[in-house]
Amino acid sequence: MDERQKKLLKEIVESYINSVKPVGSQALCKKFKLSSATIRNEMAVLEKLGYLEKNHVSSGRIPSEKGYKYYVEYLMKPKELNGEEMLKLETIFHNQQLQVSDAIAKCMEIIADITNYTSVVLGKNSSDNTLQQVNIIPLDNNQVIALVCTNKGIVENKKFKIPENIFLEELVKTCEIINKMLVGTPIDRVSERLEFEVKPIICKTIKQYEKVYEIFYDAFNDFTKNSANVFFSGKTNILKQPEYDNIEEIKKIVGKFEDESLVKKIEEDSDGVNVYIGDETEFDPNVTIIKSKYKINGEEGTIAIIGPKRMEYDRVIGLLEFINKELSEVDGEI
């Protein structure tokens, strides 16, 4: 590909990203000061090389998957954040009252909002967490919340209606026994120790011990079931994109967001900001996923943006690089 063809490809990709309309030769003549015939010839060459595709309903061209990949690797430069975006994200990272995991989730929520794509924060497995504390919080109408906290700052809660013939004091007492015996236990082993070590003790002092045991067992079981701690923001944003203009496509992508095994494939192992287009995503052939791993204060995970292949790559990559820079600065202060 010569320099003129590279400039043409860059213009076609960026024009299609912004307009969602196939690009014809007439639209490029004025910008490149070339004849329509010359532009058509160059576009034909780019199509033959596999960087462009012909749209079914127009004589214009659109980028192919190969074209997007070439654009990202060789033609695109990450876009700098504007002052307002930078201030919003910096304010969150410098908020001392927020846990790092909460700050990351909040920043990705903002990125989902300003890009109109879907963001994901994928934490490591719950087996990497140990039990720090479990609490019972009484509510009105004979209900309680069982609150499970880990050493990595992850908090899960489950609401229960207190069964008949069970007193709140019995739940509090069981809570105290669990905290005394199980703190420091890997979360994925808590349920096992609850049954074989805690249950024999509470059966001696609590009449309805089976029901009390079930409350705590369910709380821990729910925690470990969500073995990958996934936080979506802007889950429906992708449905606003023109690519999802029919009910079948909508059903397909929504189903994939709910598929735990597919969501886990979003996890990133490589350093830096990495771009996966189409089949490379292992998630859906019609999307792009731009993602990065983070490791801070012993906590690991993945941040990612999911959008159509016609994504504003320069903007999203710029945003994720900024997040990485902020995280490295925060980690240096810890």
Protein backbone atom coordinates (compact mmCIF):
# COMPACT_ATOMS: atom_id res chain seq x y z
CA MET A 1 0.00 0.00 0.00
CA ASP A 2 1.50 3.37 -1.00
CA GLU A 3 1.14 6.63 0.94
CA ARG A 4 -1.83 7.88 -1.07
CA GLN A 5 -3.70 4.64 -0.51
CA LYS A 6 -2.96 4.83 3.23
CA LYS A 7 -4.38 8.36 3.39
CA LEU A 8 -7.42 7.25 1.42
CA LEU A 9 -8.02 4.27 3.71
CA LYS A 10 -7.69 6.49 6.81
CA GLU A 11 -10.21 8.96 5.41
CA ILE A 12 -12.67 6.23 4.42
CA VAL A 13 -12.48 4.53 7.84
CA GLU A 14 -12.95 7.78 9.76
CA SER A 15 -15.71 8.99 7.45
CA TYR A 16 -17.62 5.72 7.84
CA ILE A 17 -17.14 5.73 11.63
CA ASN A 18 -18.66 9.22 11.83
CA SER A 19 -21.41 9.01 9.21
CA VAL A 20 -22.31 5.28 9.06
CA LYS A 21 -22.63 5.84 5.30
CA PRO A 22 -20.64 4.04 2.59
CA VAL A 23 -18.00 6.32 1.11
CA GLY A 24 -18.12 7.06 -2.62
CA SER A 25 -15.45 8.50 -4.88
CA GLN A 26 -17.20 11.87 -5.25
CA ALA A 27 -16.90 12.56 -1.52
CA LEU A 28 -13.11 12.11 -1.73
CA CYS A 29 -12.32 14.03 -4.92
CA LYS A 30 -12.32 17.50 -3.40
CA LYS A 31 -10.32 16.52 -0.31
CA PHE A 32 -7.59 14.73 -2.26
CA LYS A 33 -7.78 16.96 -5.36
CA LEU A 34 -7.95 13.92 -7.59
CA SER A 35 -10.34 12.90 -10.36
CA SER A 36 -13.25 10.60 -9.63
CA ALA A 37 -11.72 7.95 -11.92
CA THR A 38 -8.41 8.02 -10.00
CA ILE A 39 -10.19 7.70 -6.67
CA ARG A 40 -12.30 4.80 -7.99
CA ASN A 41 -9.16 3.01 -9.18
CA GLU A 42 -7.45 3.45 -5.81
CA MET A 43 -10.55 2.24 -3.98
CA ALA A 44 -10.68 -0.80 -6.25
CA VAL A 45 -7.05 -1.58 -5.35
CA LEU A 46 -7.84 -1.26 -1.61
CA GLU A 47 -10.83 -3.55 -2.10
CA LYS A 48 -8.71 -6.10 -3.95
CA LEU A 49 -6.17 -5.99 -1.08
CA GLY A 50 -9.01 -6.74 1.33
CA TYR A 51 -9.07 -3.40 3.20
CA LEU A 52 -12.44 -2.24 1.81
CA GLU A 53 -15.76 -3.92 1.05
CA LYS A 54 -18.51 -2.90 -1.32
CA ASN A 55 -21.80 -2.10 0.32
CA HIS A 56 -24.75 -4.11 -0.97
CA VAL A 57 -27.08 -1.14 -1.41
CA SER A 58 -24.59 1.45 -2.63
CA SER A 59 -21.62 1.90 -4.94
CA GLY A 60 -19.68 3.26 -1.98
CA ARG A 61 -17.17 1.30 0.09
CA ILE A 62 -16.95 0.52 3.78
CA PRO A 63 -13.93 -0.70 5.79
CA SER A 64 -13.46 -4.44 6.10
CA GLU A 65 -12.29 -6.10 9.30
CA LYS A 66 -8.78 -6.14 7.81
CA GLY A 67 -9.14 -2.44 7.01
CA TYR A 68 -10.06 -1.57 10.60
CA LYS A 69 -7.10 -3.59 11.90
CA TYR A 70 -4.67 -1.82 9.57
CA TYR A 71 -6.14 1.55 10.55
CA VAL A 72 -5.71 0.84 14.28
CA GLU A 73 -2.18 -0.50 13.94
CA TYR A 74 -0.66 1.94 11.44
CA LEU A 75 -2.86 4.97 10.72
CA MET A 76 -4.61 6.02 13.92
CA LYS A 77 -3.34 8.14 16.80
CA PRO A 78 -5.06 8.04 20.21
CA LYS A 79 -7.21 11.10 20.79
CA GLU A 80 -6.41 13.34 23.74
CA LEU A 81 -9.16 13.90 26.29
CA ASN A 82 -10.80 17.29 26.51
CA GLY A 83 -10.58 19.26 29.76
CA GLU A 84 -14.03 18.28 31.01
CA GLU A 85 -13.46 14.55 30.48
CA MET A 86 -10.04 14.71 32.13
CA LEU A 87 -11.40 16.58 35.15
CA LYS A 88 -14.28 14.11 35.66
CA LEU A 89 -11.96 11.09 35.66
CA GLU A 90 -9.19 12.69 37.72
CA THR A 91 -11.71 13.78 40.37
CA ILE A 92 -12.81 10.18 40.86
CA PHE A 93 -9.28 8.80 41.15
CA HIS A 94 -8.33 11.48 43.67
CA ASN A 95 -11.40 10.85 45.81
CA GLN A 96 -9.82 9.34 48.95
CA GLN A 97 -13.17 8.00 50.17
CA LEU A 98 -13.52 5.61 47.23
CA GLN A 99 -12.03 2.11 47.12
CA VAL A 100 -9.87 1.62 44.01
CA SER A 101 -12.34 -0.94 42.62
CA ASP A 102 -15.20 1.55 43.06
CA ALA A 103 -13.18 4.31 41.39
CA ILE A 104 -12.46 2.06 38.40
CA ALA A 105 -16.13 1.08 38.08
CA LYS A 106 -17.24 4.73 38.32
CA CYS A 107 -14.72 5.83 35.67
CA MET A 108 -15.88 3.11 33.28
CA GLU A 109 -19.46 4.23 33.89
CA ILE A 110 -18.46 7.74 32.80
CA ILE A 111 -16.63 6.38 29.73
CA ALA A 112 -19.73 4.37 28.76
CA ASP A 113 -21.76 7.56 29.04
CA ILE A 114 -19.47 9.80 26.98
CA THR A 115 -18.75 7.23 24.25
CA ASN A 116 -22.22 5.68 24.08
CA TYR A 117 -20.62 2.22 24.11
CA THR A 118 -20.81 -0.54 26.74
CA SER A 119 -18.10 -0.72 29.39
CA VAL A 120 -17.10 -3.71 31.49
CA VAL A 121 -14.99 -4.14 34.61
CA LEU A 122 -14.08 -7.78 35.09
CA GLY A 123 -12.51 -8.59 38.46
CA LYS A 124 -10.51 -11.68 39.28
CA ASN A 125 -12.17 -14.82 40.60
CA SER A 126 -13.63 -14.78 44.11
CA SER A 127 -11.10 -17.49 45.02
CA ASP A 128 -8.53 -14.69 45.08
CA ASN A 129 -10.51 -13.10 47.94
CA THR A 130 -10.60 -14.16 51.57
CA LEU A 131 -13.42 -13.52 54.02
CA GLN A 132 -12.85 -10.36 56.02
CA GLN A 133 -16.22 -10.03 57.74
CA VAL A 134 -19.86 -11.00 57.56
CA ASN A 135 -22.60 -8.83 59.07
CA ILE A 136 -26.34 -9.01 59.57
CA ILE A 137 -28.21 -5.74 59.04
CA PRO A 138 -31.84 -5.69 60.27
CA LEU A 139 -34.51 -4.06 58.07
CA ASP A 140 -38.20 -3.40 58.47
CA ASN A 141 -40.88 -6.07 57.86
CA ASN A 142 -38.89 -8.87 59.50
CA GLN A 143 -36.15 -8.74 56.86
CA VAL A 144 -32.36 -8.72 57.10
CA ILE A 145 -29.40 -8.20 54.80
CA ALA A 146 -26.45 -10.58 55.01
CA LEU A 147 -23.36 -8.53 54.09
CA VAL A 148 -20.17 -10.36 53.01
CA CYS A 149 -16.89 -8.38 52.81
CA THR A 150 -13.54 -9.62 51.46
CA ASN A 151 -9.94 -8.57 51.99
CA LYS A 152 -9.90 -7.10 48.45
CA GLY A 153 -12.70 -4.67 49.28
CA ILE A 154 -15.45 -6.58 47.46
CA VAL A 155 -18.82 -6.37 49.18
CA GLU A 156 -21.83 -8.54 48.37
CA ASN A 157 -25.22 -8.49 50.02
CA LYS A 158 -28.32 -10.65 50.00
CA LYS A 159 -31.71 -9.76 51.44
CA PHE A 160 -33.70 -12.38 53.40
CA LYS A 161 -37.00 -12.61 55.18
CA ILE A 162 -36.37 -14.04 58.65
CA PRO A 163 -38.11 -17.46 58.83
CA GLU A 164 -40.75 -18.05 61.50
CA ASN A 165 -39.46 -19.05 64.95
CA ILE A 166 -36.05 -17.49 64.20
CA PHE A 167 -34.88 -14.56 66.32
CA LEU A 168 -32.56 -11.83 65.08
CA GLU A 169 -30.30 -12.52 68.06
CA GLU A 170 -29.69 -16.04 66.73
CA LEU A 171 -28.57 -14.67 63.37
CA VAL A 172 -26.25 -12.18 65.08
CA LYS A 173 -24.80 -14.95 67.24
CA THR A 174 -24.17 -17.16 64.20
CA CYS A 175 -22.56 -14.16 62.50
CA GLU A 176 -20.16 -13.78 65.45
CA ILE A 177 -19.23 -17.50 65.28
CA ILE A 178 -18.51 -17.24 61.54
CA ASN A 179 -16.33 -14.16 62.01
CA LYS A 180 -14.43 -15.88 64.81
CA MET A 181 -13.85 -19.12 62.88
CA LEU A 182 -13.76 -18.30 59.19
CA VAL A 183 -12.12 -14.89 58.72
CA GLY A 184 -9.14 -15.33 56.37
CA THR A 185 -10.71 -18.31 54.58
CA PRO A 186 -10.70 -18.16 50.73
CA ILE A 187 -14.23 -17.26 49.67
CA ASP A 188 -14.64 -20.40 47.56
CA ARG A 189 -13.96 -22.55 50.67
CA VAL A 190 -16.25 -20.72 53.10
CA SER A 191 -19.39 -22.73 52.27
CA GLU A 192 -17.54 -26.00 52.87
CA ARG A 193 -16.17 -24.87 56.24
CA LEU A 194 -19.57 -23.43 57.13
CA GLU A 195 -21.14 -26.87 56.78
CA PHE A 196 -18.47 -29.00 58.43
CA GLU A 197 -17.19 -26.66 61.13
CA VAL A 198 -19.80 -24.00 61.94
CA LYS A 199 -23.01 -26.00 61.50
CA PRO A 200 -22.10 -28.58 64.21
CA ILE A 201 -21.57 -25.71 66.66
CA ILE A 202 -24.79 -23.77 65.99
CA CYS A 203 -26.87 -26.97 66.08
CA LYS A 204 -26.11 -27.19 69.81
CA THR A 205 -27.40 -23.70 70.64
CA ILE A 206 -30.03 -22.79 68.02
CA LYS A 207 -33.24 -24.79 67.63
CA GLN A 208 -33.93 -23.85 64.00
CA TYR A 209 -30.24 -24.13 63.12
CA GLU A 210 -30.93 -25.59 59.66
CA LYS A 211 -32.81 -22.45 58.57
CA VAL A 212 -30.19 -20.16 60.09
CA TYR A 213 -27.45 -22.14 58.34
CA GLU A 214 -29.29 -21.85 55.00
CA ILE A 215 -29.37 -18.05 55.22
CA PHE A 216 -25.60 -17.82 55.51
CA TYR A 217 -24.97 -20.67 53.07
CA ASP A 218 -27.09 -18.93 50.40
CA ALA A 219 -25.25 -15.64 50.95
CA PHE A 220 -21.82 -17.24 50.45
CA ASN A 221 -23.03 -19.45 47.63
CA ASP A 222 -24.33 -16.43 45.68
CA PHE A 223 -20.97 -14.75 46.16
CA THR A 224 -18.93 -17.66 44.78
CA LYS A 225 -21.41 -18.26 41.95
CA ASN A 226 -20.41 -14.88 40.57
CA SER A 227 -16.86 -16.15 40.36
CA ALA A 228 -15.91 -13.37 37.99
CA ASN A 229 -16.97 -10.04 39.49
CA VAL A 230 -18.48 -8.33 36.45
CA PHE A 231 -19.73 -4.74 36.39
CA PHE A 232 -21.43 -3.54 33.20
CA SER A 233 -22.15 0.11 32.46
CA GLY A 234 -24.24 1.24 29.53
CA LYS A 235 -25.32 -2.31 28.76
CA THR A 236 -28.01 -1.06 26.38
CA ASN A 237 -25.76 1.55 24.72
CA ILE A 238 -24.66 -0.85 22.01
CA LEU A 239 -28.32 -1.36 21.08
CA LYS A 240 -28.48 2.33 20.08
CA GLN A 241 -25.96 1.70 17.29
CA PRO A 242 -27.36 1.35 13.74
CA GLU A 243 -25.82 -2.13 13.49
CA TYR A 244 -28.50 -3.33 15.92
CA ASP A 245 -31.59 -2.29 14.03
CA ASN A 246 -33.43 -5.61 14.09
CA ILE A 247 -34.83 -7.72 16.89
CA GLU A 248 -32.74 -10.82 16.11
CA GLU A 249 -29.43 -8.94 16.43
CA ILE A 250 -30.67 -7.35 19.67
CA LYS A 251 -31.64 -10.73 21.15
CA LYS A 252 -28.30 -12.22 20.16
CA ILE A 253 -26.11 -9.54 21.76
CA VAL A 254 -28.26 -9.29 24.91
CA GLY A 255 -28.02 -13.07 25.31
CA LYS A 256 -24.24 -12.87 25.06
CA PHE A 257 -24.07 -10.24 27.79
CA GLU A 258 -25.90 -12.72 30.04
CA ASP A 259 -23.65 -15.68 29.11
CA GLU A 260 -21.09 -15.97 31.93
CA SER A 261 -18.69 -18.19 29.96
CA LEU A 262 -18.59 -15.65 27.10
CA VAL A 263 -18.20 -12.67 29.43
CA LYS A 264 -15.21 -14.37 31.08
CA LYS A 265 -13.47 -14.41 27.67
CA ILE A 266 -13.25 -10.62 27.89
CA GLU A 267 -10.52 -11.04 30.52
CA GLU A 268 -7.19 -9.61 29.36
CA ASP A 269 -3.73 -11.04 30.11
CA SER A 270 -1.51 -8.72 28.07
CA ASP A 271 -0.18 -5.34 29.17
CA GLY A 272 -1.23 -2.07 27.53
CA VAL A 273 -4.42 -1.25 25.65
CA ASN A 274 -5.32 -4.04 23.21
CA VAL A 275 -7.82 -4.03 20.36
CA TYR A 276 -9.80 -7.10 19.28
CA ILE A 277 -12.00 -6.81 16.20
CA GLY A 278 -14.73 -9.20 15.07
CA ASP A 279 -13.82 -12.87 15.47
CA GLU A 280 -10.71 -11.90 17.47
CA THR A 281 -12.96 -10.91 20.37
CA GLU A 282 -14.15 -14.51 20.96
CA PHE A 283 -17.36 -12.75 22.02
CA ASP A 284 -19.24 -11.67 18.90
CA PRO A 285 -18.08 -11.35 15.26
CA ASN A 286 -19.85 -8.00 14.85
CA VAL A 287 -18.22 -6.12 17.72
CA THR A 288 -14.89 -4.62 18.69
CA ILE A 289 -13.58 -4.97 22.26
CA ILE A 290 -10.83 -2.64 23.41
CA LYS A 291 -9.45 -3.75 26.74
CA SER A 292 -6.65 -3.50 29.23
CA LYS A 293 -5.66 -5.37 32.36
CA TYR A 294 -5.00 -3.57 35.63
CA LYS A 295 -3.09 -4.55 38.73
CA ILE A 296 -3.14 -2.25 41.71
CA ASN A 297 -2.51 -2.88 45.40
CA GLY A 298 -2.69 -6.64 44.75
CA GLU A 299 -6.06 -6.34 43.00
CA GLU A 300 -6.24 -7.51 39.38
CA GLY A 301 -8.83 -7.28 36.67
CA THR A 302 -9.78 -6.12 33.19
CA ILE A 303 -11.40 -2.94 31.92
CA ALA A 304 -13.01 -3.06 28.49
CA ILE A 305 -15.18 -1.14 26.05
CA ILE A 306 -17.54 -3.04 23.73
CA GLY A 307 -18.90 -1.37 20.62
CA PRO A 308 -19.53 -1.95 16.93
CA LYS A 309 -16.59 -2.55 14.59
CA ARG A 310 -17.33 0.99 13.43
CA MET A 311 -15.98 2.31 16.72
CA GLU A 312 -14.23 5.60 17.49
CA TYR A 313 -10.95 3.79 18.07
CA ASP A 314 -8.86 6.91 18.62
CA ARG A 315 -11.18 8.20 21.33
CA VAL A 316 -11.65 4.92 23.20
CA ILE A 317 -7.94 4.06 23.14
CA GLY A 318 -7.13 7.57 24.39
CA LEU A 319 -9.59 7.16 27.27
CA LEU A 320 -8.27 3.75 28.33
CA GLU A 321 -4.65 4.93 28.12
CA PHE A 322 -5.60 7.82 30.41
CA ILE A 323 -7.22 5.41 32.88
CA ASN A 324 -4.05 3.27 32.84
CA LYS A 325 -1.91 6.34 33.54
CA GLU A 326 -4.12 7.34 36.48
CA LEU A 327 -4.05 3.80 37.87
CA SER A 328 -0.26 3.65 37.71
CA GLU A 329 -0.04 6.96 39.58
CA VAL A 330 -2.48 5.79 42.24
CA ASP A 331 -0.56 2.51 42.61
CA GLY A 332 2.65 4.48 43.10
CA GLU A 333 1.05 6.41 45.97
CA ILE A 334 -0.13 3.28 47.83
